[in-house]
């Protein structure tokens, strides 16, 4: 009876989902899950590494643009998730942006609407860009976006 139920078609997984699940399980079996699964890598990355990435972004942005944006590295907290782990937070380093000439809300709007879009979080009149969620390969693109503001 289950095979003929209309929900069966909606809940059936496709070949891409099976391939992704297989690759994930293979990574766990091989003991490489922490290095090869981006979410796990982000969750387990040491704070010192995140701080270094934040410094690399600001170095690429340049001193003039950094001053113009009020950019500075601040200690912050990353929320792990809303569903499975709603109260778990991890220490992180964030790039805080915002000045009286360039308010955080305007910077947030410009970054979200640009290419590539950049998502931050507004807190205490500052826009925070959590460097835990910035992949090392994304540092040049993020710095280029910030330098254009």
C-alpha atoms as a PDB file:
ATOM      1  CA  UNK A   1       0.000   0.000   0.000  1.00  0.00           C
ATOM      2  CA  UNK A   2       2.864   2.426   0.716  1.00  0.00           C
ATOM      3  CA  UNK A   3       4.205   2.118  -2.826  1.00  0.00           C
ATOM      4  CA  UNK A   4       0.914   3.439  -4.216  1.00  0.00           C
ATOM      5  CA  UNK A   5       0.505   6.296  -1.752  1.00  0.00           C
ATOM      6  CA  UNK A   6       0.848   9.754  -3.434  1.00  0.00           C
ATOM      7  CA  UNK A   7       3.256  10.860  -0.698  1.00  0.00           C
ATOM      8  CA  UNK A   8       5.688   8.179  -1.840  1.00  0.00           C
ATOM      9  CA  UNK A   9       6.557  10.224  -4.935  1.00  0.00           C
ATOM     10  CA  UNK A  10       7.088  13.410  -2.895  1.00  0.00           C
ATOM     11  CA  UNK A  11       9.321  11.709  -0.334  1.00  0.00           C
ATOM     12  CA  UNK A  12      11.363   9.583  -2.740  1.00  0.00           C
ATOM     13  CA  UNK A  13      14.992  10.707  -2.940  1.00  0.00           C
ATOM     14  CA  UNK A  14      16.694  11.215  -6.281  1.00  0.00           C
ATOM     15  CA  UNK A  15      20.066  10.010  -7.570  1.00  0.00           C
ATOM     16  CA  UNK A  16      21.834  13.279  -6.633  1.00  0.00           C
ATOM     17  CA  UNK A  17      20.687  12.997  -3.031  1.00  0.00           C
ATOM     18  CA  UNK A  18      21.853   9.376  -2.893  1.00  0.00           C
ATOM     19  CA  UNK A  19      25.243  10.374  -4.357  1.00  0.00           C
ATOM     20  CA  UNK A  20      25.651  13.194  -1.818  1.00  0.00           C
ATOM     21  CA  UNK A  21      24.713  10.914   1.050  1.00  0.00           C
ATOM     22  CA  UNK A  22      27.157   8.281  -0.214  1.00  0.00           C
ATOM     23  CA  UNK A  23      29.993  10.816  -0.406  1.00  0.00           C
ATOM     24  CA  UNK A  24      29.219  12.021   3.119  1.00  0.00           C
ATOM     25  CA  UNK A  25      29.174   8.502   4.531  1.00  0.00           C
ATOM     26  CA  UNK A  26      32.397   7.661   2.661  1.00  0.00           C
ATOM     27  CA  UNK A  27      34.088  10.678   4.286  1.00  0.00           C
ATOM     28  CA  UNK A  28      33.020   9.506   7.727  1.00  0.00           C
ATOM     29  CA  UNK A  29      34.176   5.961   7.022  1.00  0.00           C
ATOM     30  CA  UNK A  30      37.555   7.177   5.721  1.00  0.00           C
ATOM     31  CA  UNK A  31      38.018   9.447   8.745  1.00  0.00           C
ATOM     32  CA  UNK A  32      38.197  12.593   6.588  1.00  0.00           C
ATOM     33  CA  UNK A  33      34.783  14.097   7.421  1.00  0.00           C
ATOM     34  CA  UNK A  34      36.209  16.987   9.479  1.00  0.00           C
ATOM     35  CA  UNK A  35      38.447  18.073   6.606  1.00  0.00           C
ATOM     36  CA  UNK A  36      36.114  17.478   3.667  1.00  0.00           C
ATOM     37  CA  UNK A  37      32.650  18.482   4.926  1.00  0.00           C
ATOM     38  CA  UNK A  38      32.555  22.302   5.024  1.00  0.00           C
ATOM     39  CA  UNK A  39      30.027  22.575   7.857  1.00  0.00           C
ATOM     40  CA  UNK A  40      32.021  20.251  10.114  1.00  0.00           C
ATOM     41  CA  UNK A  41      35.232  22.081   9.221  1.00  0.00           C
ATOM     42  CA  UNK A  42      33.606  25.401  10.212  1.00  0.00           C
ATOM     43  CA  UNK A  43      32.248  23.993  13.473  1.00  0.00           C
ATOM     44  CA  UNK A  44      35.604  22.577  14.555  1.00  0.00           C
ATOM     45  CA  UNK A  45      37.957  25.303  13.304  1.00  0.00           C
ATOM     46  CA  UNK A  46      40.183  26.779  16.036  1.00  0.00           C
ATOM     47  CA  UNK A  47      39.584  30.421  16.977  1.00  0.00           C
ATOM     48  CA  UNK A  48      43.201  31.341  16.160  1.00  0.00           C
ATOM     49  CA  UNK A  49      42.675  30.217  12.556  1.00  0.00           C
ATOM     50  CA  UNK A  50      39.493  32.297  12.282  1.00  0.00           C
ATOM     51  CA  UNK A  51      41.329  35.360  13.623  1.00  0.00           C
ATOM     52  CA  UNK A  52      44.074  34.894  11.012  1.00  0.00           C
ATOM     53  CA  UNK A  53      41.453  34.753   8.256  1.00  0.00           C
ATOM     54  CA  UNK A  54      39.859  37.981   9.530  1.00  0.00           C
ATOM     55  CA  UNK A  55      43.285  39.688   9.472  1.00  0.00           C
ATOM     56  CA  UNK A  56      43.880  38.447   5.904  1.00  0.00           C
ATOM     57  CA  UNK A  57      40.573  39.963   4.792  1.00  0.00           C
ATOM     58  CA  UNK A  58      41.422  43.342   6.323  1.00  0.00           C
ATOM     59  CA  UNK A  59      44.943  43.300   4.874  1.00  0.00           C
ATOM     60  CA  UNK A  60      43.459  42.746   1.408  1.00  0.00           C
ATOM     61  CA  UNK A  61      40.845  45.463   1.941  1.00  0.00           C
ATOM     62  CA  UNK A  62      43.597  47.977   2.648  1.00  0.00           C
ATOM     63  CA  UNK A  63      44.054  50.578   5.362  1.00  0.00           C
ATOM     64  CA  UNK A  64      42.189  53.407   3.605  1.00  0.00           C
ATOM     65  CA  UNK A  65      39.082  51.359   2.849  1.00  0.00           C
ATOM     66  CA  UNK A  66      39.245  49.795   6.312  1.00  0.00           C
ATOM     67  CA  UNK A  67      39.226  53.238   7.962  1.00  0.00           C
ATOM     68  CA  UNK A  68      36.437  54.431   5.680  1.00  0.00           C
ATOM     69  CA  UNK A  69      34.289  51.448   6.744  1.00  0.00           C
ATOM     70  CA  UNK A  70      35.295  51.598  10.413  1.00  0.00           C
ATOM     71  CA  UNK A  71      36.503  48.004  10.008  1.00  0.00           C
ATOM     72  CA  UNK A  72      37.917  46.222  13.014  1.00  0.00           C
ATOM     73  CA  UNK A  73      38.217  42.651  14.200  1.00  0.00           C
ATOM     74  CA  UNK A  74      36.055  41.865  17.220  1.00  0.00           C
ATOM     75  CA  UNK A  75      35.398  38.803  19.336  1.00  0.00           C
ATOM     76  CA  UNK A  76      31.912  37.423  18.794  1.00  0.00           C
ATOM     77  CA  UNK A  77      29.798  34.278  19.060  1.00  0.00           C
ATOM     78  CA  UNK A  78      28.581  32.042  16.218  1.00  0.00           C
ATOM     79  CA  UNK A  79      25.197  30.442  16.713  1.00  0.00           C
ATOM     80  CA  UNK A  80      25.464  26.833  15.585  1.00  0.00           C
ATOM     81  CA  UNK A  81      21.869  26.372  14.519  1.00  0.00           C
ATOM     82  CA  UNK A  82      18.246  26.927  15.195  1.00  0.00           C
ATOM     83  CA  UNK A  83      16.760  23.451  14.883  1.00  0.00           C
ATOM     84  CA  UNK A  84      19.098  20.812  16.248  1.00  0.00           C
ATOM     85  CA  UNK A  85      21.328  23.012  18.414  1.00  0.00           C
ATOM     86  CA  UNK A  86      19.411  26.242  19.150  1.00  0.00           C
ATOM     87  CA  UNK A  87      21.416  27.284  22.211  1.00  0.00           C
ATOM     88  CA  UNK A  88      24.941  26.243  21.224  1.00  0.00           C
ATOM     89  CA  UNK A  89      27.332  29.082  20.434  1.00  0.00           C
ATOM     90  CA  UNK A  90      31.011  29.022  19.466  1.00  0.00           C
ATOM     91  CA  UNK A  91      33.607  31.757  19.926  1.00  0.00           C
ATOM     92  CA  UNK A  92      34.527  33.488  16.680  1.00  0.00           C
ATOM     93  CA  UNK A  93      36.241  36.513  15.198  1.00  0.00           C
ATOM     94  CA  UNK A  94      34.116  38.907  13.179  1.00  0.00           C
ATOM     95  CA  UNK A  95      34.828  41.949  11.080  1.00  0.00           C
ATOM     96  CA  UNK A  96      32.749  44.812  12.477  1.00  0.00           C
ATOM     97  CA  UNK A  97      31.752  47.578  10.055  1.00  0.00           C
ATOM     98  CA  UNK A  98      29.948  50.871  10.401  1.00  0.00           C
ATOM     99  CA  UNK A  99      30.597  54.575  10.894  1.00  0.00           C
ATOM    100  CA  UNK A 100      28.436  57.657  11.123  1.00  0.00           C
ATOM    101  CA  UNK A 101      29.113  58.309   7.410  1.00  0.00           C
ATOM    102  CA  UNK A 102      28.537  54.670   6.494  1.00  0.00           C
ATOM    103  CA  UNK A 103      25.917  53.249   8.884  1.00  0.00           C
ATOM    104  CA  UNK A 104      25.802  49.504   9.393  1.00  0.00           C
ATOM    105  CA  UNK A 105      22.287  49.227   7.934  1.00  0.00           C
ATOM    106  CA  UNK A 106      23.372  50.831   4.657  1.00  0.00           C
ATOM    107  CA  UNK A 107      26.474  48.645   4.450  1.00  0.00           C
ATOM    108  CA  UNK A 108      24.340  45.561   5.114  1.00  0.00           C
ATOM    109  CA  UNK A 109      21.958  46.506   2.315  1.00  0.00           C
ATOM    110  CA  UNK A 110      24.804  47.183  -0.128  1.00  0.00           C
ATOM    111  CA  UNK A 111      26.562  43.900   0.668  1.00  0.00           C
ATOM    112  CA  UNK A 112      23.401  41.787   0.425  1.00  0.00           C
ATOM    113  CA  UNK A 113      22.472  43.369  -2.911  1.00  0.00           C
ATOM    114  CA  UNK A 114      25.902  43.084  -4.509  1.00  0.00           C
ATOM    115  CA  UNK A 115      27.712  40.383  -6.443  1.00  0.00           C
ATOM    116  CA  UNK A 116      28.604  38.173  -4.720  1.00  0.00           C
ATOM    117  CA  UNK A 117      26.028  38.821  -1.992  1.00  0.00           C
ATOM    118  CA  UNK A 118      27.536  39.020   1.499  1.00  0.00           C
ATOM    119  CA  UNK A 119      25.406  38.316   4.575  1.00  0.00           C
ATOM    120  CA  UNK A 120      26.220  39.735   7.973  1.00  0.00           C
ATOM    121  CA  UNK A 121      24.433  40.348  11.230  1.00  0.00           C
ATOM    122  CA  UNK A 122      23.511  43.723  12.708  1.00  0.00           C
ATOM    123  CA  UNK A 123      24.423  44.177  16.352  1.00  0.00           C
ATOM    124  CA  UNK A 124      24.783  47.411  18.354  1.00  0.00           C
ATOM    125  CA  UNK A 125      24.964  49.685  15.295  1.00  0.00           C
ATOM    126  CA  UNK A 126      27.636  47.534  13.680  1.00  0.00           C
ATOM    127  CA  UNK A 127      27.519  45.018  10.849  1.00  0.00           C
ATOM    128  CA  UNK A 128      29.332  41.836  11.867  1.00  0.00           C
ATOM    129  CA  UNK A 129      30.797  39.500   9.260  1.00  0.00           C
ATOM    130  CA  UNK A 130      31.509  36.204  10.998  1.00  0.00           C
ATOM    131  CA  UNK A 131      34.818  34.898   9.676  1.00  0.00           C
ATOM    132  CA  UNK A 132      34.005  31.361  10.868  1.00  0.00           C
ATOM    133  CA  UNK A 133      31.696  31.131   7.843  1.00  0.00           C
ATOM    134  CA  UNK A 134      34.128  32.627   5.329  1.00  0.00           C
ATOM    135  CA  UNK A 135      35.921  29.919   3.379  1.00  0.00           C
ATOM    136  CA  UNK A 136      39.645  30.567   2.819  1.00  0.00           C
ATOM    137  CA  UNK A 137      39.005  30.574  -0.931  1.00  0.00           C
ATOM    138  CA  UNK A 138      36.397  33.349  -0.437  1.00  0.00           C
ATOM    139  CA  UNK A 139      38.804  35.811   1.216  1.00  0.00           C
ATOM    140  CA  UNK A 140      39.770  37.590  -2.041  1.00  0.00           C
ATOM    141  CA  UNK A 141      36.141  38.013  -3.156  1.00  0.00           C
ATOM    142  CA  UNK A 142      35.032  39.272   0.263  1.00  0.00           C
ATOM    143  CA  UNK A 143      37.913  41.738   0.465  1.00  0.00           C
ATOM    144  CA  UNK A 144      37.168  43.002  -3.047  1.00  0.00           C
ATOM    145  CA  UNK A 145      33.491  43.551  -2.149  1.00  0.00           C
ATOM    146  CA  UNK A 146      34.401  45.441   1.015  1.00  0.00           C
ATOM    147  CA  UNK A 147      36.926  47.609  -0.808  1.00  0.00           C
ATOM    148  CA  UNK A 148      34.210  48.789  -3.218  1.00  0.00           C
ATOM    149  CA  UNK A 149      31.964  50.183  -0.456  1.00  0.00           C
END
